[in-house]
């Protein structure tokens, strides 16, 4: 039975939406958070485990120091205070992919707390997200449901459990209630997670590939009658790992909850699951913190990062994405709209890397936002998944800048590079695509074209210099577009005048 929904515009006119986001990021450490099992994606199921990974009796955890460092990096990037001392706790609950029946996490003593993050929306406006905490924990394993549509549990005949992911280091970033977003709430939620994704990549703490589940968000939504009213009852939609999905979940929950409240009903505090069509489906009644029976992890000592170490990490932080965008916008002479297009296309890092490899930002942008963007769209893949490296695009542009290729020829060379035929220089040579720059060869083609079009030569001598275009076109055709049109025009004028 489908949910009753209220029109979105009416819902945000009648009610004030409040958001809360819990974003989990898998850290890119070599080993897991509490044992020496490799932290590897895509391995054969249940091969990247130790007794600690699966909680066998007598197995003891040891904290991954690099995981702690990455957590501090994230906290500092979000403007958080870093705890002088914190500790791990056991969060007790049963789930098939949590074989020891508890998750090692942090409860009331997080590594980082009290931060804020300014985000930019697609319309150029800014919004500040209050950060309550960022804490360390471990991931659970992964259930695979067999027989259901799209791997979902609905309709599945049975489920399999892979413990390779159990124990992978996580940092969970929890916001305070996000108020004042109004009708922009869906965009605010998606922009916040997108900004976090960019920060994780800039910090080098995670590949942050959402399609792999490296970054996923639990999306909390509640409604109240006015900004002055108490917070409403919230729902939590679990593990949303696409920006579009986050936006859809927020919009759907606002419409669904508004319809319930308008009919005099009560919103049930529960976990929900996002569906492929942008809707949400009810799960279990939401547990409160008390139900998890948190207690200090007896097998781990407190974590007490020295102030010197924290400051050393702070000094080593890279330029943050927002600051980088502002700098590159000026360096590349882009408008606000052009920069937003670059960011939304996921092309910023690719353009930057291409420019660093030896070309201009504008030239790099031309390729990534033009020919390459069209190719990626046709193939329905991301720009970063195209089989071409920034260095190859820089080499391609260098061939254009040196006059060895025209833009038209360069596009043909790019086709060869994307087809796996080699680097730009090799493709140009193999396909015979370089510009014909030998004046003797060009003069022969010019003379042939003039001989075939004597009336055109007479027009040029009579002062109609634009008639030279016909001869230039004939030469370009004869050379398969490999002549330098500017040089051909010069030779035509020289020949006619002589």
Protein backbone atom coordinates (compact mmCIF):
# COMPACT_ATOMS: atom_id res chain seq x y z
CA UNK A 1 0.00 0.00 0.00
CA UNK A 2 1.49 3.33 -1.04
CA UNK A 3 1.83 6.26 1.35
CA UNK A 4 -0.41 9.30 1.16
CA UNK A 5 1.65 12.37 0.20
CA UNK A 6 1.05 16.10 0.47
CA UNK A 7 2.19 18.42 -2.30
CA UNK A 8 5.76 19.45 -1.45
CA UNK A 9 5.19 23.20 -1.74
CA UNK A 10 2.15 22.97 0.50
CA UNK A 11 4.02 20.78 2.99
CA UNK A 12 6.87 23.28 3.48
CA UNK A 13 4.35 26.12 3.66
CA UNK A 14 2.42 24.44 6.48
CA UNK A 15 5.30 22.82 8.35
CA UNK A 16 8.91 23.59 9.24
CA UNK A 17 11.26 20.72 8.29
CA UNK A 18 14.21 19.91 10.54
CA UNK A 19 17.02 17.63 9.36
CA UNK A 20 19.67 15.56 11.05
CA UNK A 21 22.37 13.72 9.12
CA UNK A 22 24.67 10.96 10.27
CA UNK A 23 27.34 10.44 7.63
CA UNK A 24 29.62 7.41 7.75
CA UNK A 25 32.92 7.40 5.88
CA UNK A 26 35.10 4.31 5.50
CA UNK A 27 38.72 5.22 6.10
CA UNK A 28 41.38 4.21 3.58
CA UNK A 29 43.80 2.61 6.04
CA UNK A 30 45.87 -0.42 5.04
CA UNK A 31 44.40 -2.58 7.79
CA UNK A 32 41.18 -2.62 9.79
CA UNK A 33 40.44 -0.49 12.86
CA UNK A 34 41.14 -3.08 15.54
CA UNK A 35 43.07 -5.90 13.87
CA UNK A 36 45.63 -6.59 11.16
CA UNK A 37 43.20 -7.92 8.54
CA UNK A 38 43.66 -6.10 5.21
CA UNK A 39 41.22 -3.29 4.46
CA UNK A 40 40.50 -4.31 0.85
CA UNK A 41 37.42 -3.78 -1.30
CA UNK A 42 36.16 -6.47 -3.65
CA UNK A 43 38.09 -9.48 -2.33
CA UNK A 44 36.58 -12.97 -2.26
CA UNK A 45 33.99 -13.14 0.55
CA UNK A 46 35.27 -13.92 4.03
CA UNK A 47 38.96 -13.92 3.07
CA UNK A 48 39.99 -10.59 4.62
CA UNK A 49 39.30 -11.58 8.23
CA UNK A 50 41.09 -12.50 11.43
CA UNK A 51 39.63 -13.95 14.66
CA UNK A 52 39.20 -10.35 15.86
CA UNK A 53 37.24 -9.38 12.74
CA UNK A 54 34.55 -11.92 13.55
CA UNK A 55 34.76 -11.72 17.34
CA UNK A 56 36.02 -15.20 18.13
CA UNK A 57 36.56 -15.94 21.82
CA UNK A 58 39.92 -14.77 23.14
CA UNK A 59 40.62 -12.42 20.20
CA UNK A 60 41.63 -8.96 21.43
CA UNK A 61 41.47 -5.60 19.57
CA UNK A 62 44.32 -3.11 19.06
CA UNK A 63 43.61 0.48 17.90
CA UNK A 64 44.84 1.48 14.45
CA UNK A 65 46.91 4.65 14.97
CA UNK A 66 46.46 5.76 11.35
CA UNK A 67 42.70 5.47 11.81
CA UNK A 68 42.93 7.82 14.80
CA UNK A 69 45.03 10.26 12.76
CA UNK A 70 42.47 10.24 9.93
CA UNK A 71 39.66 10.86 12.41
CA UNK A 72 41.55 13.87 13.79
CA UNK A 73 42.10 15.20 10.25
CA UNK A 74 38.36 15.02 9.61
CA UNK A 75 37.54 16.69 12.92
CA UNK A 76 39.94 19.55 12.28
CA UNK A 77 38.63 20.07 8.73
CA UNK A 78 35.12 20.42 10.19
CA UNK A 79 36.22 23.02 12.72
CA UNK A 80 35.79 20.64 15.65
CA UNK A 81 37.50 20.55 19.01
CA UNK A 82 39.72 17.50 19.40
CA UNK A 83 39.30 15.61 22.67
CA UNK A 84 42.30 15.45 24.97
CA UNK A 85 41.12 11.99 25.97
CA UNK A 86 38.34 9.76 24.65
CA UNK A 87 37.47 6.12 24.74
CA UNK A 88 35.67 3.39 22.88
CA UNK A 89 32.42 1.77 23.96
CA UNK A 90 30.45 -1.34 23.11
CA UNK A 91 27.17 -0.69 21.32
CA UNK A 92 25.18 -3.85 21.86
CA UNK A 93 22.75 -5.17 19.27
CA UNK A 94 22.24 -8.25 17.13
CA UNK A 95 22.40 -8.30 13.36
CA UNK A 96 23.58 -11.17 11.10
CA UNK A 97 26.59 -9.22 9.81
CA UNK A 98 27.70 -8.25 13.34
CA UNK A 99 28.97 -11.61 14.53
CA UNK A 100 30.15 -10.53 18.00
CA UNK A 101 26.73 -8.93 18.79
CA UNK A 102 28.23 -5.53 19.55
CA UNK A 103 29.88 -2.73 17.57
CA UNK A 104 33.01 -1.06 18.91
CA UNK A 105 32.14 2.63 18.70
CA UNK A 106 32.28 5.81 20.76
CA UNK A 107 29.31 6.93 22.84
CA UNK A 108 29.61 9.97 25.10
CA UNK A 109 33.35 10.50 24.48
CA UNK A 110 33.91 11.25 20.76
CA UNK A 111 37.31 12.10 19.28
CA UNK A 112 35.95 15.39 17.82
CA UNK A 113 33.03 17.64 18.72
CA UNK A 114 31.44 21.11 18.34
CA UNK A 115 32.16 22.01 14.71
CA UNK A 116 30.44 23.67 11.76
CA UNK A 117 30.63 23.42 8.00
CA UNK A 118 29.59 26.05 5.47
CA UNK A 119 28.15 24.61 2.27
CA UNK A 120 27.30 26.22 -1.06
CA UNK A 121 24.06 25.37 -2.83
CA UNK A 122 23.62 25.19 -6.59
CA UNK A 123 21.98 28.62 -6.65
CA UNK A 124 25.13 30.15 -5.14
CA UNK A 125 23.68 30.68 -1.65
CA UNK A 126 25.43 29.45 1.49
CA UNK A 127 24.19 27.49 4.49
CA UNK A 128 25.97 26.54 7.72
CA UNK A 129 25.60 23.01 9.09
CA UNK A 130 26.19 22.62 12.85
CA UNK A 131 28.32 19.57 13.68
CA UNK A 132 27.71 17.88 17.02
CA UNK A 133 30.45 15.24 16.85
CA UNK A 134 32.67 13.01 14.75
CA UNK A 135 33.45 9.69 16.34
CA UNK A 136 35.41 6.56 15.50
CA UNK A 137 33.92 3.11 15.11
CA UNK A 138 34.08 -0.05 13.01
CA UNK A 139 31.92 -1.16 10.12
CA UNK A 140 29.80 -4.30 10.13
CA UNK A 141 29.91 -7.04 7.52
CA UNK A 142 27.65 -7.08 4.49
CA UNK A 143 24.49 -9.05 3.78
CA UNK A 144 23.76 -10.12 0.21
CA UNK A 145 20.14 -11.01 -0.46
CA UNK A 146 19.63 -13.68 -3.10
CA UNK A 147 16.53 -13.76 -5.29
CA UNK A 148 15.20 -10.27 -4.55
CA UNK A 149 15.02 -7.42 -7.05
CA UNK A 150 18.17 -5.24 -7.16
CA UNK A 151 19.68 -7.22 -4.29
CA UNK A 152 16.97 -6.09 -1.86
CA UNK A 153 15.60 -8.28 0.90
CA UNK A 154 12.04 -8.10 -0.47
CA UNK A 155 11.38 -11.32 -2.34
CA UNK A 156 14.77 -12.85 -1.48
CA UNK A 157 14.90 -16.60 -0.88
CA UNK A 158 17.97 -16.41 1.37
CA UNK A 159 20.82 -14.14 2.43
CA UNK A 160 24.60 -14.55 2.55
CA UNK A 161 27.00 -12.79 4.92
CA UNK A 162 30.47 -11.49 4.00
CA UNK A 163 32.61 -10.43 6.97
CA UNK A 164 35.37 -8.80 4.90
CA UNK A 165 33.96 -5.37 5.77
CA UNK A 166 33.61 -6.17 9.49
CA UNK A 167 36.09 -4.02 11.37
CA UNK A 168 36.80 -1.56 8.54
CA UNK A 169 37.52 1.85 10.15
CA UNK A 170 34.63 4.31 10.11
CA UNK A 171 34.19 7.88 11.20
CA UNK A 172 30.59 8.90 11.81
CA UNK A 173 29.81 12.61 11.60
CA UNK A 174 26.63 13.65 13.38
CA UNK A 175 24.99 17.03 12.90
CA UNK A 176 22.96 18.96 15.40
CA UNK A 177 19.37 19.64 14.25
CA UNK A 178 19.58 21.50 10.94
CA UNK A 179 16.97 24.24 11.09
CA UNK A 180 15.90 27.00 8.74
CA UNK A 181 16.37 25.16 5.45
CA UNK A 182 12.66 25.32 4.55
CA UNK A 183 11.93 24.40 0.95
CA UNK A 184 15.67 24.02 0.31
CA UNK A 185 15.94 21.13 2.80
CA UNK A 186 16.45 18.42 0.12
CA UNK A 187 19.17 20.46 -1.61
CA UNK A 188 20.83 21.33 1.71
CA UNK A 189 21.07 17.67 2.70
CA UNK A 190 22.57 16.59 -0.63
CA UNK A 191 24.99 19.55 -0.78
CA UNK A 192 26.20 18.82 2.76
CA UNK A 193 27.06 15.20 1.96
CA UNK A 194 28.64 16.24 -1.34
CA UNK A 195 30.80 18.77 0.50
CA UNK A 196 31.86 16.12 3.01
CA UNK A 197 32.72 13.73 0.17
CA UNK A 198 34.97 16.38 -1.39
CA UNK A 199 36.65 17.06 1.98
CA UNK A 200 37.34 13.35 2.58
CA UNK A 201 39.04 13.13 -0.81
CA UNK A 202 41.04 16.30 -0.26
CA UNK A 203 42.23 15.03 3.13
CA UNK A 204 43.30 11.72 1.60
CA UNK A 205 41.45 9.74 4.29
CA UNK A 206 39.13 7.82 1.94
CA UNK A 207 38.46 7.18 -1.74
CA UNK A 208 34.94 8.30 -0.80
CA UNK A 209 33.35 6.33 -3.63
CA UNK A 210 29.67 6.36 -2.82
CA UNK A 211 28.82 3.57 -5.24
CA UNK A 212 31.06 1.32 -3.10
CA UNK A 213 29.44 2.49 0.12
CA UNK A 214 32.59 4.36 1.22
CA UNK A 215 30.28 7.25 2.12
CA UNK A 216 26.68 6.74 3.19
CA UNK A 217 24.20 8.79 5.14
CA UNK A 218 21.45 8.11 7.63
CA UNK A 219 18.87 10.83 6.92
CA UNK A 220 16.70 12.08 9.79
CA UNK A 221 13.64 14.20 8.98
CA UNK A 222 10.99 15.69 11.25
CA UNK A 223 8.31 18.37 10.88
CA UNK A 224 6.96 20.95 13.29
CA UNK A 225 4.23 23.55 12.93
CA UNK A 226 6.58 26.54 13.19
CA UNK A 227 10.23 27.35 13.92
CA UNK A 228 9.18 28.22 17.49
CA UNK A 229 7.50 24.87 18.14
CA UNK A 230 9.25 21.87 19.76
CA UNK A 231 10.97 19.41 17.44
CA UNK A 232 8.67 16.86 15.87
CA UNK A 233 9.01 13.07 15.81
CA UNK A 234 11.78 12.04 13.43
CA UNK A 235 12.31 9.15 11.09
CA UNK A 236 15.73 7.86 10.09
CA UNK A 237 16.27 6.52 6.59
CA UNK A 238 19.35 4.29 6.68
CA UNK A 239 22.39 4.00 4.44
CA UNK A 240 21.57 6.32 1.53
CA UNK A 241 24.60 6.44 -0.73
CA UNK A 242 23.71 8.74 -3.64
CA UNK A 243 23.24 12.49 -3.65
CA UNK A 244 20.03 12.13 -5.63
CA UNK A 245 18.81 9.51 -3.19
CA UNK A 246 19.45 11.82 -0.24
CA UNK A 247 17.50 14.60 -1.91
CA UNK A 248 14.65 12.25 -2.77
CA UNK A 249 14.45 10.83 0.76
CA UNK A 250 14.19 14.27 2.35
CA UNK A 251 11.52 15.39 -0.12
CA UNK A 252 9.51 12.18 0.26
CA UNK A 253 9.62 12.16 4.06
CA UNK A 254 8.50 15.81 4.19
CA UNK A 255 5.54 14.99 1.95
CA UNK A 256 4.68 11.75 3.79
CA UNK A 257 4.92 13.18 7.30
CA UNK A 258 3.00 16.31 6.34
CA UNK A 259 0.10 14.18 5.09
CA UNK A 260 0.06 12.21 8.35
CA UNK A 261 0.10 15.34 10.52
CA UNK A 262 -2.54 17.13 8.42
CA UNK A 263 -4.85 14.13 8.87
CA UNK A 264 -4.43 14.32 12.65
CA UNK A 265 -2.14 11.30 12.87
CA UNK A 266 1.19 10.81 14.61
CA UNK A 267 4.52 10.15 12.92
CA UNK A 268 6.09 6.90 14.13
CA UNK A 269 9.72 7.16 15.24
CA UNK A 270 11.30 4.42 13.16
CA UNK A 271 14.10 3.52 10.82
CA UNK A 272 13.15 3.49 7.15
CA UNK A 273 14.77 2.22 3.99
CA UNK A 274 15.18 4.21 0.78
CA UNK A 275 13.80 2.60 -2.38
CA UNK A 276 15.04 2.81 -5.96
CA UNK A 277 12.04 4.93 -6.95
CA UNK A 278 12.83 7.65 -4.38
CA UNK A 279 10.27 6.51 -1.80
CA UNK A 280 10.96 5.15 1.69
CA UNK A 281 9.69 2.00 3.36
CA UNK A 282 9.14 1.46 7.08
CA UNK A 283 11.61 -0.68 9.01
CA UNK A 284 11.90 -1.27 12.73
CA UNK A 285 10.83 1.06 15.53
CA UNK A 286 13.81 3.30 16.25
CA UNK A 287 15.89 2.32 19.25
CA UNK A 288 17.01 4.95 21.73
CA UNK A 289 20.60 5.12 22.97
CA UNK A 290 19.62 3.39 26.22
CA UNK A 291 18.48 0.32 24.29
CA UNK A 292 22.03 -0.26 23.02
CA UNK A 293 23.38 -0.62 26.61
CA UNK A 294 26.56 1.31 25.85
CA UNK A 295 29.38 0.60 28.25
CA UNK A 296 33.14 1.29 28.07
CA UNK A 297 35.08 -1.20 25.95
CA UNK A 298 37.14 -3.12 28.55
CA UNK A 299 39.74 -4.36 26.06
CA UNK A 300 40.86 -0.91 24.84
CA UNK A 301 42.63 1.86 26.73
CA UNK A 302 41.55 5.50 26.29
CA UNK A 303 42.86 7.41 23.27
CA UNK A 304 44.72 10.58 24.35
CA UNK A 305 46.20 12.44 21.34
CA UNK A 306 48.88 14.90 22.47
CA UNK A 307 48.31 18.57 21.66
CA UNK A 308 51.61 18.58 19.76
CA UNK A 309 50.43 15.74 17.53
CA UNK A 310 47.08 17.43 16.91
CA UNK A 311 48.81 20.69 15.92
CA UNK A 312 51.20 18.77 13.67
CA UNK A 313 48.20 17.22 11.90
CA UNK A 314 46.53 20.64 11.66
CA UNK A 315 49.62 22.17 10.01
CA UNK A 316 49.68 19.35 7.47
CA UNK A 317 46.06 19.77 6.34
CA UNK A 318 45.70 20.48 2.60
CA UNK A 319 43.76 23.36 1.08
CA UNK A 320 40.07 22.70 1.64
CA UNK A 321 37.82 22.23 -1.43
CA UNK A 322 35.84 25.46 -0.96
CA UNK A 323 39.01 27.56 -0.74
CA UNK A 324 40.50 25.71 -3.70
CA UNK A 325 37.40 26.39 -5.81
CA UNK A 326 37.58 30.10 -5.05
CA UNK A 327 41.27 30.20 -5.99
CA UNK A 328 40.91 28.18 -9.18
CA UNK A 329 37.87 30.19 -10.28
CA UNK A 330 40.10 33.25 -10.37
CA UNK A 331 43.10 31.45 -11.89
CA UNK A 332 40.99 29.88 -14.64
CA UNK A 333 38.93 33.05 -15.23
CA UNK A 334 35.62 31.24 -14.72
CA UNK A 335 32.27 32.73 -13.81
CA UNK A 336 30.35 31.45 -10.79
CA UNK A 337 28.08 29.48 -13.12
CA UNK A 338 31.00 27.93 -15.01
CA UNK A 339 32.68 26.86 -11.78
CA UNK A 340 29.45 25.33 -10.47
CA UNK A 341 29.11 23.39 -13.74
CA UNK A 342 32.67 22.10 -13.34
CA UNK A 343 32.02 21.02 -9.74
CA UNK A 344 28.66 19.42 -10.52
CA UNK A 345 30.24 17.48 -13.39
CA UNK A 346 32.91 16.09 -11.04
CA UNK A 347 35.58 17.61 -13.28
CA UNK A 348 37.44 19.91 -10.87
CA UNK A 349 40.20 17.51 -9.83
CA UNK A 350 40.58 16.22 -13.40
CA UNK A 351 40.97 19.73 -14.80
CA UNK A 352 43.38 20.66 -12.03
CA UNK A 353 45.50 17.55 -12.66
CA UNK A 354 45.50 18.25 -16.40
CA UNK A 355 46.65 21.84 -15.84
CA UNK A 356 49.35 20.59 -13.46
CA UNK A 357 50.55 18.25 -16.22
CA UNK A 358 51.43 21.22 -18.41
CA UNK A 359 48.51 23.09 -19.95
CA UNK A 360 46.18 25.93 -19.00
CA UNK A 361 43.07 25.55 -16.86
CA UNK A 362 40.93 26.92 -19.68
CA UNK A 363 42.31 24.42 -22.19
CA UNK A 364 41.86 21.55 -19.75
CA UNK A 365 38.31 22.66 -19.01
CA UNK A 366 37.53 22.75 -22.74
CA UNK A 367 38.34 19.06 -23.09
CA UNK A 368 36.81 17.73 -19.86
CA UNK A 369 33.61 19.78 -20.06
CA UNK A 370 33.30 19.34 -23.83
CA UNK A 371 34.27 16.22 -25.74
CA UNK A 372 34.99 14.07 -22.69
CA UNK A 373 31.82 15.08 -20.87
CA UNK A 374 29.74 14.18 -23.92
CA UNK A 375 31.48 10.81 -24.19
CA UNK A 376 30.90 10.03 -20.51
CA UNK A 377 27.24 10.97 -20.85
CA UNK A 378 26.79 8.74 -23.89
CA UNK A 379 28.41 5.81 -22.08
CA UNK A 380 26.53 6.61 -18.84
CA UNK A 381 29.69 6.63 -16.72
CA UNK A 382 31.50 9.21 -14.62
CA UNK A 383 34.25 11.38 -16.07
CA UNK A 384 36.80 9.75 -13.79
CA UNK A 385 35.88 6.34 -15.25
CA UNK A 386 36.85 7.29 -18.81
CA UNK A 387 39.99 5.44 -20.02
CA UNK A 388 42.08 8.60 -20.34
CA UNK A 389 44.49 10.27 -17.93
CA UNK A 390 44.89 14.02 -17.27
CA UNK A 391 48.49 13.72 -18.52
CA UNK A 392 47.24 12.44 -21.88
CA UNK A 393 44.86 15.39 -22.23
CA UNK A 394 47.72 17.77 -21.45
CA UNK A 395 49.84 16.02 -24.13
CA UNK A 396 46.96 16.30 -26.60
CA UNK A 397 46.64 20.03 -25.99
CA UNK A 398 50.41 20.42 -26.36
CA UNK A 399 50.14 18.95 -29.88
CA UNK A 400 47.45 21.53 -30.67
CA UNK A 401 49.48 24.39 -29.17
CA UNK A 402 52.55 23.40 -31.21
CA UNK A 403 50.53 23.45 -34.42
CA UNK A 404 50.92 19.74 -35.05
CA UNK A 405 47.17 19.17 -34.62
CA UNK A 406 44.10 21.27 -35.27
CA UNK A 407 41.18 21.04 -32.85
CA UNK A 408 39.35 18.85 -35.35
CA UNK A 409 42.29 16.48 -35.72
CA UNK A 410 42.79 16.46 -31.96
CA UNK A 411 39.24 15.20 -31.47
CA UNK A 412 40.03 12.29 -33.80
CA UNK A 413 43.20 11.59 -31.84
CA UNK A 414 41.19 11.64 -28.61
CA UNK A 415 38.86 9.01 -30.07
CA UNK A 416 41.90 6.79 -30.57
CA UNK A 417 43.17 7.38 -27.04
CA UNK A 418 39.76 6.47 -25.61
CA UNK A 419 39.75 3.35 -27.79
CA UNK A 420 43.00 2.23 -26.17
CA UNK A 421 45.25 2.88 -29.17
CA UNK A 422 47.94 4.60 -27.08
CA UNK A 423 49.04 8.08 -26.06
CA UNK A 424 48.12 11.09 -28.24
CA UNK A 425 51.44 11.23 -30.10
CA UNK A 426 51.31 7.53 -30.95
CA UNK A 427 47.68 7.75 -32.11
CA UNK A 428 48.40 10.81 -34.26
CA UNK A 429 51.31 9.02 -35.93
CA UNK A 430 49.48 5.72 -36.40
CA UNK A 431 46.41 7.39 -37.88
CA UNK A 432 48.40 9.88 -39.94
CA UNK A 433 46.57 12.83 -38.45
CA UNK A 434 49.24 15.47 -37.97
CA UNK A 435 48.89 18.85 -39.66
CA UNK A 436 50.58 19.12 -43.07
CA UNK A 437 53.10 21.90 -42.44
CA UNK A 438 55.39 21.36 -45.45
CA UNK A 439 54.89 24.47 -47.64
CA UNK A 440 55.83 22.58 -50.80
CA UNK A 441 53.05 20.05 -50.22
CA UNK A 442 50.59 22.81 -49.40
CA UNK A 443 51.62 24.86 -52.47
CA UNK A 444 51.02 21.87 -54.69
CA UNK A 445 47.50 21.53 -53.27
CA UNK A 446 46.91 25.31 -53.60
CA UNK A 447 48.07 25.32 -57.22
CA UNK A 448 45.83 22.38 -58.02
CA UNK A 449 42.82 24.09 -56.41
CA UNK A 450 43.51 27.40 -58.21
CA UNK A 451 43.90 25.62 -61.55
CA UNK A 452 40.54 23.95 -61.03
CA UNK A 453 38.88 27.26 -60.05
CA UNK A 454 40.34 30.06 -62.29
CA UNK A 455 37.30 32.26 -61.76
CA UNK A 456 37.96 32.31 -58.01
CA UNK A 457 41.51 33.54 -58.60
CA UNK A 458 40.12 36.37 -60.77
CA UNK A 459 37.68 37.37 -58.02
CA UNK A 460 40.49 37.53 -55.46
CA UNK A 461 42.59 39.70 -57.80
CA UNK A 462 39.52 41.89 -58.24
CA UNK A 463 39.45 42.61 -54.52
CA UNK A 464 36.98 39.96 -53.31
CA UNK A 465 39.41 38.40 -50.85
CA UNK A 466 36.62 36.45 -49.14
CA UNK A 467 36.50 34.29 -52.28
CA UNK A 468 39.78 32.74 -51.04
CA UNK A 469 37.67 30.64 -48.68
CA UNK A 470 36.66 28.38 -51.57
CA UNK A 471 40.29 27.58 -52.33
CA UNK A 472 41.12 27.09 -48.65
CA UNK A 473 38.18 24.68 -48.37
CA UNK A 474 39.34 22.73 -51.41
CA UNK A 475 42.86 22.41 -49.98
CA UNK A 476 41.52 21.31 -46.59
CA UNK A 477 39.45 18.64 -48.31
CA UNK A 478 42.41 17.47 -50.35
CA UNK A 479 44.55 17.16 -47.22
CA UNK A 480 41.76 15.47 -45.19
CA UNK A 481 41.60 18.48 -42.90
CA UNK A 482 45.27 18.16 -42.00
CA UNK A 483 46.41 21.50 -43.36
CA UNK A 484 46.81 24.65 -41.29
CA UNK A 485 43.96 26.74 -42.67
CA UNK A 486 45.66 30.01 -41.73
CA UNK A 487 48.84 29.05 -43.56
CA UNK A 488 46.85 27.83 -46.57
CA UNK A 489 45.10 31.21 -46.82
CA UNK A 490 48.46 32.99 -46.72
CA UNK A 491 49.80 30.77 -49.53
CA UNK A 492 46.65 31.34 -51.64
CA UNK A 493 47.05 35.12 -51.39
CA UNK A 494 50.76 34.87 -52.22
CA UNK A 495 50.08 32.72 -55.28
CA UNK A 496 47.25 34.91 -56.61
CA UNK A 497 49.15 38.14 -56.11
CA UNK A 498 52.26 36.77 -57.79
